[in-house]
N, C-alpha and C. Protein backbone atom coordinates (compact mmCIF):
# COMPACT_ATOMS: atom_id res chain seq x y z
N MET A 1 16.04 57.46 22.26
CA MET A 1 17.22 57.73 23.01
C MET A 1 17.27 56.60 24.15
N ILE A 2 18.45 56.08 24.31
CA ILE A 2 18.70 55.08 25.45
C ILE A 2 19.45 55.77 26.57
N SER A 3 18.87 55.70 27.69
CA SER A 3 19.50 56.30 28.91
C SER A 3 20.48 55.23 29.45
N ALA A 4 21.43 55.79 30.23
CA ALA A 4 22.36 54.90 30.98
C ALA A 4 21.78 53.73 31.77
N LYS A 5 20.47 54.03 32.27
CA LYS A 5 19.77 52.99 33.09
C LYS A 5 19.10 52.05 32.31
N SER A 6 18.69 52.32 31.06
CA SER A 6 17.99 51.37 30.29
C SER A 6 18.82 50.27 29.66
N GLU A 7 18.19 49.22 29.40
CA GLU A 7 19.00 48.14 28.64
C GLU A 7 18.52 47.97 27.28
N LEU A 8 19.45 47.72 26.37
CA LEU A 8 19.12 47.37 24.97
C LEU A 8 18.54 45.90 24.93
N ARG A 9 17.44 45.78 24.33
CA ARG A 9 16.79 44.41 24.27
C ARG A 9 16.90 43.86 22.82
N HIS A 10 17.16 42.61 22.76
CA HIS A 10 17.23 41.81 21.50
C HIS A 10 16.13 40.87 21.46
N PHE A 11 15.39 40.80 20.34
CA PHE A 11 14.35 39.81 20.20
C PHE A 11 14.68 38.84 19.22
N VAL A 12 14.46 37.52 19.49
CA VAL A 12 14.74 36.38 18.60
C VAL A 12 13.48 35.57 18.55
N ARG A 13 13.47 34.80 17.54
CA ARG A 13 12.34 33.81 17.34
C ARG A 13 12.50 32.80 18.47
N ALA A 14 11.35 32.31 18.99
CA ALA A 14 11.29 31.20 20.11
C ALA A 14 12.11 30.04 19.65
N ASN A 15 11.94 29.66 18.36
CA ASN A 15 12.66 28.41 17.84
C ASN A 15 14.08 28.56 17.86
N ASP A 16 14.62 29.81 17.45
CA ASP A 16 15.95 30.16 17.48
C ASP A 16 16.55 30.15 18.85
N ALA A 17 15.76 30.72 19.90
CA ALA A 17 16.23 30.77 21.19
C ALA A 17 16.31 29.30 21.83
N LYS A 18 15.36 28.44 21.41
CA LYS A 18 15.39 27.11 21.91
C LYS A 18 16.60 26.35 21.38
N ALA A 19 16.91 26.56 20.01
CA ALA A 19 18.00 25.92 19.40
C ALA A 19 19.35 26.32 20.10
N PHE A 20 19.40 27.67 20.35
CA PHE A 20 20.58 28.14 21.08
C PHE A 20 20.72 27.46 22.49
N THR A 21 19.64 27.55 23.22
CA THR A 21 19.69 27.02 24.59
C THR A 21 20.09 25.50 24.52
N VAL A 22 19.49 24.78 23.70
CA VAL A 22 19.80 23.25 23.59
C VAL A 22 21.31 23.11 23.36
N SER A 23 21.80 23.88 22.44
CA SER A 23 23.22 23.90 22.04
C SER A 23 24.04 24.15 23.18
N VAL A 24 23.77 25.22 23.93
CA VAL A 24 24.64 25.59 25.06
C VAL A 24 24.50 24.45 26.07
N LEU A 25 23.38 23.98 26.49
CA LEU A 25 23.34 22.92 27.54
C LEU A 25 23.95 21.68 27.11
N ALA A 26 23.86 21.33 25.76
CA ALA A 26 24.41 20.08 25.27
C ALA A 26 25.98 20.08 25.38
N LYS A 27 26.56 21.36 25.35
CA LYS A 27 28.02 21.43 25.53
C LYS A 27 28.42 21.23 27.01
N HIS A 28 27.43 21.08 27.92
CA HIS A 28 27.73 20.83 29.28
C HIS A 28 27.14 19.55 29.71
N ASN A 29 27.08 18.64 28.73
CA ASN A 29 26.74 17.14 29.01
C ASN A 29 25.25 16.91 29.32
N VAL A 30 24.38 17.87 29.06
CA VAL A 30 22.98 17.71 29.15
C VAL A 30 22.51 17.04 27.90
N SER A 31 21.67 15.93 28.02
CA SER A 31 21.17 15.38 26.81
C SER A 31 20.28 16.24 26.02
N LYS A 32 20.19 16.04 24.75
CA LYS A 32 19.35 16.93 23.92
C LYS A 32 17.93 16.86 24.31
N GLU A 33 17.49 15.71 24.77
CA GLU A 33 16.06 15.62 25.18
C GLU A 33 15.83 16.44 26.42
N ASP A 34 16.80 16.27 27.43
CA ASP A 34 16.55 17.05 28.66
C ASP A 34 16.83 18.57 28.36
N ALA A 35 17.85 18.88 27.53
CA ALA A 35 18.00 20.33 27.14
C ALA A 35 16.85 20.90 26.49
N SER A 36 16.05 20.08 25.71
CA SER A 36 14.97 20.64 25.10
C SER A 36 13.85 20.94 26.01
N ILE A 37 13.71 20.14 27.07
CA ILE A 37 12.75 20.46 28.13
C ILE A 37 13.08 21.69 28.97
N VAL A 38 14.31 21.80 29.28
CA VAL A 38 14.77 23.01 29.97
C VAL A 38 14.51 24.23 29.08
N ALA A 39 14.83 24.17 27.89
CA ALA A 39 14.76 25.34 26.93
C ALA A 39 13.32 25.65 26.78
N HIS A 40 12.42 24.67 26.64
CA HIS A 40 10.94 24.91 26.59
C HIS A 40 10.40 25.65 27.74
N CYS A 41 10.80 25.28 28.98
CA CYS A 41 10.35 25.91 30.18
C CYS A 41 10.87 27.32 30.24
N LEU A 42 12.16 27.55 29.90
CA LEU A 42 12.72 28.89 30.07
C LEU A 42 12.01 29.86 29.00
N ILE A 43 11.84 29.36 27.80
CA ILE A 43 11.24 30.22 26.78
C ILE A 43 9.79 30.47 26.99
N GLU A 44 9.05 29.41 27.57
CA GLU A 44 7.65 29.65 27.92
C GLU A 44 7.50 30.68 28.91
N ALA A 45 8.45 30.79 29.85
CA ALA A 45 8.45 31.81 30.93
C ALA A 45 8.55 33.16 30.21
N ASP A 46 9.53 33.28 29.38
CA ASP A 46 9.73 34.63 28.64
C ASP A 46 8.51 34.95 27.80
N LEU A 47 7.91 34.00 27.20
CA LEU A 47 6.80 34.36 26.36
C LEU A 47 5.57 34.71 27.14
N ARG A 48 5.50 34.22 28.37
CA ARG A 48 4.46 34.58 29.31
C ARG A 48 4.68 35.89 30.08
N GLY A 49 5.93 36.53 29.79
CA GLY A 49 6.27 37.78 30.48
C GLY A 49 6.88 37.65 31.80
N VAL A 50 7.37 36.34 32.14
CA VAL A 50 8.08 36.09 33.40
C VAL A 50 9.51 35.97 33.17
N GLN A 51 10.17 37.06 32.84
CA GLN A 51 11.58 37.06 32.36
C GLN A 51 12.52 36.64 33.52
N THR A 52 12.13 36.86 34.75
CA THR A 52 12.94 36.45 35.88
C THR A 52 13.12 34.99 35.89
N HIS A 53 12.33 34.20 35.16
CA HIS A 53 12.41 32.71 35.21
C HIS A 53 12.67 32.18 33.78
N GLY A 54 13.02 33.06 32.84
CA GLY A 54 13.25 32.75 31.51
C GLY A 54 14.70 32.54 31.10
N LEU A 55 15.06 32.92 29.90
CA LEU A 55 16.45 32.75 29.39
C LEU A 55 17.40 33.52 30.17
N SER A 56 17.00 34.55 30.92
CA SER A 56 18.04 35.28 31.75
C SER A 56 18.60 34.36 32.80
N ARG A 57 18.07 33.21 33.10
CA ARG A 57 18.68 32.26 34.11
C ARG A 57 19.70 31.39 33.54
N LEU A 58 19.74 31.23 32.17
CA LEU A 58 20.64 30.32 31.48
C LEU A 58 22.10 30.46 32.00
N PRO A 59 22.73 31.73 32.08
CA PRO A 59 24.07 31.80 32.54
C PRO A 59 24.23 31.30 34.00
N VAL A 60 23.24 31.37 34.83
CA VAL A 60 23.37 30.80 36.15
C VAL A 60 23.41 29.28 36.10
N TYR A 61 22.56 28.69 35.25
CA TYR A 61 22.58 27.28 35.08
C TYR A 61 23.93 26.66 34.56
N VAL A 62 24.48 27.46 33.56
CA VAL A 62 25.71 27.07 32.93
C VAL A 62 26.78 27.05 34.05
N GLU A 63 26.80 28.11 34.83
CA GLU A 63 27.80 28.17 35.90
C GLU A 63 27.67 27.13 36.90
N ARG A 64 26.46 26.78 37.23
CA ARG A 64 26.15 25.62 38.20
C ARG A 64 26.66 24.25 37.54
N LEU A 65 26.51 24.14 36.26
CA LEU A 65 26.98 22.86 35.62
C LEU A 65 28.43 22.83 35.60
N LYS A 66 29.10 24.05 35.18
CA LYS A 66 30.56 24.06 35.16
C LYS A 66 31.32 23.74 36.50
N HIS A 67 30.59 24.14 37.53
CA HIS A 67 31.18 23.95 38.89
C HIS A 67 30.57 22.76 39.58
N LYS A 68 29.94 21.77 38.79
CA LYS A 68 29.50 20.62 39.30
C LYS A 68 28.48 20.70 40.49
N MET A 69 27.76 21.90 40.49
CA MET A 69 26.76 22.19 41.49
C MET A 69 25.33 21.59 41.09
N MET A 70 25.29 21.05 39.84
CA MET A 70 24.09 20.47 39.36
C MET A 70 24.43 19.27 38.44
N ASN A 71 23.59 18.19 38.58
CA ASN A 71 23.93 17.02 37.81
C ASN A 71 23.26 17.17 36.42
N PRO A 72 24.13 17.09 35.36
CA PRO A 72 23.60 17.16 33.98
C PRO A 72 22.86 15.97 33.52
N ILE A 73 23.16 14.82 34.22
CA ILE A 73 22.56 13.50 33.81
C ILE A 73 21.92 12.82 35.04
N PRO A 74 20.87 13.39 35.53
CA PRO A 74 20.28 12.87 36.74
C PRO A 74 19.63 11.54 36.57
N LYS A 75 19.79 10.67 37.51
CA LYS A 75 19.04 9.34 37.61
C LYS A 75 17.96 9.44 38.68
N MET A 76 16.80 10.03 38.36
CA MET A 76 15.76 10.25 39.20
C MET A 76 15.10 8.90 39.70
N THR A 77 14.83 8.87 40.98
CA THR A 77 14.13 7.64 41.50
C THR A 77 12.79 7.99 42.17
N LEU A 78 11.81 7.23 41.84
CA LEU A 78 10.51 7.40 42.43
C LEU A 78 10.20 6.42 43.49
N ASN A 79 9.77 6.86 44.62
CA ASN A 79 9.39 5.95 45.68
C ASN A 79 7.95 6.11 45.94
N LYS A 80 7.12 5.20 45.50
CA LYS A 80 5.63 5.19 45.71
C LYS A 80 5.34 4.85 47.18
N ILE A 81 4.77 5.72 47.91
CA ILE A 81 4.46 5.54 49.31
C ILE A 81 3.11 4.91 49.34
N THR A 82 2.18 5.34 48.59
CA THR A 82 0.80 4.78 48.47
C THR A 82 0.40 4.85 46.97
N ALA A 83 -0.75 4.36 46.53
CA ALA A 83 -1.11 4.32 45.18
C ALA A 83 -1.26 5.78 44.63
N GLY A 84 -1.46 6.75 45.49
CA GLY A 84 -1.60 8.16 45.11
C GLY A 84 -0.64 9.10 45.61
N CYS A 85 0.47 8.59 46.20
CA CYS A 85 1.40 9.48 46.84
C CYS A 85 2.84 8.93 46.61
N ALA A 86 3.74 9.80 46.22
CA ALA A 86 5.10 9.41 46.03
C ALA A 86 6.09 10.40 46.40
N SER A 87 7.37 9.95 46.56
CA SER A 87 8.54 10.88 46.69
C SER A 87 9.45 10.71 45.55
N LEU A 88 9.91 11.80 45.00
CA LEU A 88 10.83 11.74 43.79
C LEU A 88 12.13 12.34 44.14
N ASP A 89 13.21 11.61 44.04
CA ASP A 89 14.51 11.99 44.24
C ASP A 89 15.12 12.54 42.88
N GLY A 90 15.39 13.82 42.82
CA GLY A 90 15.81 14.35 41.57
C GLY A 90 17.30 14.18 41.21
N ASP A 91 18.04 13.62 42.06
CA ASP A 91 19.48 13.39 41.92
C ASP A 91 20.21 14.69 41.52
N ASN A 92 19.84 15.74 42.16
CA ASN A 92 20.42 17.03 41.92
C ASN A 92 20.41 17.53 40.53
N GLY A 93 19.36 17.07 39.73
CA GLY A 93 19.19 17.49 38.37
C GLY A 93 18.51 18.94 38.22
N PHE A 94 18.29 19.33 36.99
CA PHE A 94 17.57 20.56 36.71
C PHE A 94 16.21 20.46 37.33
N GLY A 95 15.72 21.47 38.00
CA GLY A 95 14.36 21.57 38.65
C GLY A 95 13.32 21.34 37.57
N PHE A 96 13.54 21.83 36.28
CA PHE A 96 12.56 21.68 35.30
C PHE A 96 12.32 20.10 34.97
N LEU A 97 13.32 19.44 34.95
CA LEU A 97 13.27 17.94 34.75
C LEU A 97 12.57 17.22 35.93
N VAL A 98 12.95 17.71 37.14
CA VAL A 98 12.29 17.10 38.27
C VAL A 98 10.85 17.43 38.32
N GLY A 99 10.60 18.68 38.08
CA GLY A 99 9.14 19.09 38.09
C GLY A 99 8.25 18.48 37.06
N ARG A 100 8.72 18.43 35.97
CA ARG A 100 7.96 17.74 34.78
C ARG A 100 7.79 16.28 35.07
N ARG A 101 8.81 15.59 35.60
CA ARG A 101 8.70 14.21 35.89
C ARG A 101 7.69 14.00 37.12
N GLY A 102 7.89 14.94 38.06
CA GLY A 102 6.92 14.77 39.21
C GLY A 102 5.55 15.02 38.84
N MET A 103 5.29 16.02 37.98
CA MET A 103 3.83 16.22 37.50
C MET A 103 3.36 15.07 36.66
N ALA A 104 4.25 14.51 35.80
CA ALA A 104 3.86 13.33 35.02
C ALA A 104 3.42 12.09 35.85
N GLU A 105 4.19 11.98 36.92
CA GLU A 105 3.92 10.87 37.88
C GLU A 105 2.65 11.14 38.64
N ALA A 106 2.45 12.26 39.01
CA ALA A 106 1.28 12.76 39.74
C ALA A 106 0.03 12.58 38.86
N ILE A 107 0.13 12.96 37.50
CA ILE A 107 -1.04 12.78 36.66
C ILE A 107 -1.36 11.25 36.47
N ASN A 108 -0.28 10.47 36.36
CA ASN A 108 -0.47 8.98 36.25
C ASN A 108 -1.15 8.38 37.42
N MET A 109 -0.82 8.88 38.60
CA MET A 109 -1.42 8.36 39.79
C MET A 109 -2.90 8.86 39.87
N ALA A 110 -3.18 10.16 39.48
CA ALA A 110 -4.57 10.68 39.42
C ALA A 110 -5.45 9.90 38.52
N LYS A 111 -4.85 9.45 37.40
CA LYS A 111 -5.65 8.69 36.45
C LYS A 111 -6.23 7.44 37.05
N ASN A 112 -5.41 6.80 37.96
CA ASN A 112 -5.81 5.53 38.47
C ASN A 112 -6.48 5.63 39.87
N ASN A 113 -6.16 6.76 40.61
CA ASN A 113 -6.71 6.92 41.97
C ASN A 113 -7.58 8.20 42.29
N GLY A 114 -7.63 9.01 41.19
CA GLY A 114 -8.45 10.24 41.48
C GLY A 114 -7.52 11.39 42.01
N VAL A 115 -6.44 11.10 42.62
CA VAL A 115 -5.54 12.17 43.10
C VAL A 115 -4.09 11.57 43.02
N GLY A 116 -3.15 12.55 42.74
CA GLY A 116 -1.76 12.17 42.79
C GLY A 116 -0.93 13.23 43.42
N ILE A 117 -0.18 12.88 44.38
CA ILE A 117 0.69 13.84 45.14
C ILE A 117 2.16 13.39 45.03
N VAL A 118 3.06 14.20 44.56
CA VAL A 118 4.51 13.97 44.48
C VAL A 118 5.28 14.99 45.24
N VAL A 119 6.17 14.65 46.10
CA VAL A 119 7.03 15.51 46.77
C VAL A 119 8.38 15.19 46.24
N ALA A 120 9.01 16.28 45.79
CA ALA A 120 10.34 16.13 45.14
C ALA A 120 11.49 16.65 46.12
N ARG A 121 12.67 16.10 46.02
CA ARG A 121 13.81 16.46 46.82
C ARG A 121 15.11 16.39 45.95
N ASN A 122 16.14 16.88 46.39
CA ASN A 122 17.44 16.94 45.65
C ASN A 122 17.22 17.39 44.27
N SER A 123 16.71 18.58 44.17
CA SER A 123 16.37 19.29 42.87
C SER A 123 17.07 20.59 42.87
N ASN A 124 16.84 21.44 41.78
CA ASN A 124 17.39 22.75 41.73
C ASN A 124 16.21 23.67 41.34
N HIS A 125 16.54 24.88 41.10
CA HIS A 125 15.49 25.83 40.72
C HIS A 125 14.61 25.34 39.52
N PHE A 126 13.28 25.34 39.82
CA PHE A 126 12.43 24.72 38.74
C PHE A 126 11.72 25.77 37.92
N GLY A 127 12.07 26.99 38.03
CA GLY A 127 11.56 28.02 37.09
C GLY A 127 10.09 28.39 37.47
N MET A 128 9.29 28.72 36.45
CA MET A 128 7.93 29.21 36.44
C MET A 128 7.04 28.09 36.82
N ALA A 129 6.38 28.22 37.95
CA ALA A 129 5.53 27.06 38.42
C ALA A 129 4.33 26.85 37.43
N ALA A 130 3.92 27.87 36.67
CA ALA A 130 2.87 27.69 35.74
C ALA A 130 3.31 26.61 34.63
N SER A 131 4.53 26.28 34.45
CA SER A 131 4.93 25.24 33.44
C SER A 131 4.29 23.95 33.83
N TYR A 132 4.17 23.61 35.13
CA TYR A 132 3.75 22.40 35.58
C TYR A 132 2.15 22.37 35.74
N LEU A 133 1.58 23.64 36.01
CA LEU A 133 0.16 23.72 35.99
C LEU A 133 -0.34 23.45 34.49
N LEU A 134 0.36 24.02 33.60
CA LEU A 134 0.01 23.91 32.19
C LEU A 134 0.04 22.36 31.81
N GLN A 135 1.06 21.70 32.29
CA GLN A 135 1.21 20.37 31.93
C GLN A 135 0.07 19.55 32.46
N ALA A 136 -0.43 19.83 33.60
CA ALA A 136 -1.53 19.22 34.20
C ALA A 136 -2.81 19.52 33.40
N ILE A 137 -2.97 20.84 33.17
CA ILE A 137 -4.23 21.23 32.39
C ILE A 137 -4.28 20.54 30.98
N GLU A 138 -3.13 20.51 30.29
CA GLU A 138 -3.17 19.85 28.99
C GLU A 138 -3.50 18.45 29.14
N ALA A 139 -3.31 17.80 30.19
CA ALA A 139 -3.59 16.35 30.35
C ALA A 139 -5.06 16.20 30.92
N GLY A 140 -5.80 17.37 31.17
CA GLY A 140 -7.19 17.31 31.67
C GLY A 140 -7.24 17.39 33.14
N TYR A 141 -6.23 17.81 33.88
CA TYR A 141 -6.22 17.82 35.31
C TYR A 141 -5.96 19.25 35.77
N PHE A 142 -6.39 19.49 37.01
CA PHE A 142 -5.85 20.67 37.74
C PHE A 142 -4.90 20.41 38.79
N ALA A 143 -4.13 21.32 39.15
CA ALA A 143 -2.99 21.04 40.06
C ALA A 143 -2.72 22.12 41.05
N PHE A 144 -2.04 21.80 42.08
CA PHE A 144 -1.49 22.80 43.02
C PHE A 144 0.01 22.56 42.87
N VAL A 145 0.84 23.59 42.70
CA VAL A 145 2.31 23.45 42.56
C VAL A 145 2.98 24.32 43.52
N PHE A 146 3.82 23.82 44.45
CA PHE A 146 4.57 24.60 45.29
C PHE A 146 6.13 24.26 45.22
N SER A 147 6.93 25.10 45.53
CA SER A 147 8.36 24.84 45.53
C SER A 147 9.07 25.39 46.80
N ASN A 148 10.15 24.78 47.18
CA ASN A 148 10.86 25.23 48.38
C ASN A 148 11.85 26.23 47.88
N ALA A 149 12.23 27.12 48.87
CA ALA A 149 13.22 28.11 48.59
C ALA A 149 13.89 28.52 49.99
N ALA A 150 14.93 29.31 49.85
CA ALA A 150 15.43 29.84 51.10
C ALA A 150 14.38 30.80 51.80
N ALA A 151 14.50 30.87 53.07
CA ALA A 151 13.58 31.72 53.75
C ALA A 151 13.69 33.13 53.15
N SER A 152 12.58 33.63 52.64
CA SER A 152 12.59 34.83 51.92
C SER A 152 11.48 35.86 52.25
N MET A 153 10.69 35.57 53.22
CA MET A 153 9.67 36.48 53.66
C MET A 153 9.34 36.35 55.14
N PRO A 154 9.08 37.41 55.82
CA PRO A 154 8.72 37.42 57.21
C PRO A 154 7.31 37.00 57.41
N PRO A 155 6.92 36.36 58.56
CA PRO A 155 5.51 36.07 58.73
C PRO A 155 4.81 37.45 58.95
N TRP A 156 3.48 37.40 58.82
CA TRP A 156 2.76 38.62 58.97
C TRP A 156 3.16 39.34 60.32
N GLY A 157 3.52 40.62 60.19
CA GLY A 157 3.91 41.41 61.32
C GLY A 157 5.36 41.18 61.75
N GLY A 158 6.04 40.36 61.19
CA GLY A 158 7.47 39.96 61.47
C GLY A 158 8.39 40.92 60.67
N VAL A 159 9.81 40.94 61.07
CA VAL A 159 10.73 41.72 60.51
C VAL A 159 11.82 40.85 59.84
N ARG A 160 12.01 39.64 60.33
CA ARG A 160 13.07 38.75 59.65
C ARG A 160 12.54 37.66 58.71
N ASP A 161 13.17 37.38 57.62
CA ASP A 161 12.79 36.36 56.79
C ASP A 161 12.77 35.04 57.49
N TYR A 162 11.60 34.39 57.45
CA TYR A 162 11.48 33.19 58.08
C TYR A 162 10.75 32.07 57.34
N LEU A 163 9.74 32.47 56.56
CA LEU A 163 8.84 31.62 55.74
C LEU A 163 9.49 31.15 54.43
N GLU A 164 9.31 29.93 54.08
CA GLU A 164 9.58 29.38 52.74
C GLU A 164 8.52 28.40 52.29
N PRO A 165 8.28 28.40 51.04
CA PRO A 165 7.31 27.50 50.44
C PRO A 165 7.76 26.05 50.47
N THR A 166 6.93 25.14 50.07
CA THR A 166 7.29 23.68 50.08
C THR A 166 7.19 23.21 48.63
N HIS A 167 7.93 22.24 48.22
CA HIS A 167 7.94 21.62 46.93
C HIS A 167 6.98 20.47 46.95
N LEU A 168 5.81 20.73 46.31
CA LEU A 168 4.71 19.74 46.32
C LEU A 168 3.99 19.89 45.09
N LEU A 169 3.60 18.79 44.39
CA LEU A 169 2.73 18.82 43.22
C LEU A 169 1.53 17.91 43.58
N LEU A 170 0.35 18.53 43.46
CA LEU A 170 -0.87 17.91 43.71
C LEU A 170 -1.80 17.99 42.55
N VAL A 171 -2.31 16.89 42.02
CA VAL A 171 -3.03 16.84 40.75
C VAL A 171 -4.49 16.11 41.04
N HIS A 172 -5.47 16.59 40.57
CA HIS A 172 -6.70 15.97 40.54
C HIS A 172 -7.40 16.05 39.28
N ARG A 173 -8.14 14.99 38.84
CA ARG A 173 -8.82 14.94 37.56
C ARG A 173 -9.88 16.05 37.44
N LEU A 174 -9.95 16.78 36.34
CA LEU A 174 -10.97 17.76 36.13
C LEU A 174 -12.30 16.97 35.92
N ILE A 175 -13.37 17.59 36.52
CA ILE A 175 -14.69 17.00 36.48
C ILE A 175 -15.48 17.84 35.48
N LYS A 176 -15.93 17.23 34.46
CA LYS A 176 -16.76 18.03 33.42
C LYS A 176 -18.07 18.48 33.94
N LYS A 177 -18.73 17.51 34.66
CA LYS A 177 -20.07 17.91 35.14
C LYS A 177 -20.02 17.59 36.61
N CYS A 178 -20.67 18.61 37.31
CA CYS A 178 -20.69 18.41 38.88
C CYS A 178 -22.14 18.26 39.22
N HIS A 179 -22.50 17.05 39.77
CA HIS A 179 -23.82 16.81 40.30
C HIS A 179 -23.80 16.96 41.85
N LEU A 180 -24.62 17.86 42.33
CA LEU A 180 -24.63 18.00 43.87
C LEU A 180 -25.40 16.91 44.51
N PHE A 181 -26.38 16.30 43.83
CA PHE A 181 -27.24 15.27 44.43
C PHE A 181 -27.24 14.02 43.71
């Protein structure tokens, strides 16, 4: 029996959900390549049980695209500050695209310098942070991933929302053996 408060859930194969998502985003001028990345991140969140960052967000993104609140074809620019540190301007693109590009750049810097730090700006909601951690792990690195948001939590003992996280990707090469001496 389904109560008035419960929702009816529909289950689909991940590949079907991805094809649907790519199709929807492509109708809003998102390239198939970029739409595939966004779809992957959304579906990955659903498959990991993080429905708040999964396909339930698709209608929000479509509305943002319709109202030109998000750039469907961003021209991201990387400004390397040092050999291991950079700033990435996301050109108001999908946070998934900015996050993945930022992590890829951080991994490349870490390959050459032992550490890579990328700070991103002019981005949008980037979904489940684990997507970028997994990207680093698959490349043989560990990472710290943070994102900015509106003030959403009070400091300890406070009553008003004041604190917000920071959008930062930090990657370091995994060490297989650790010698103390």
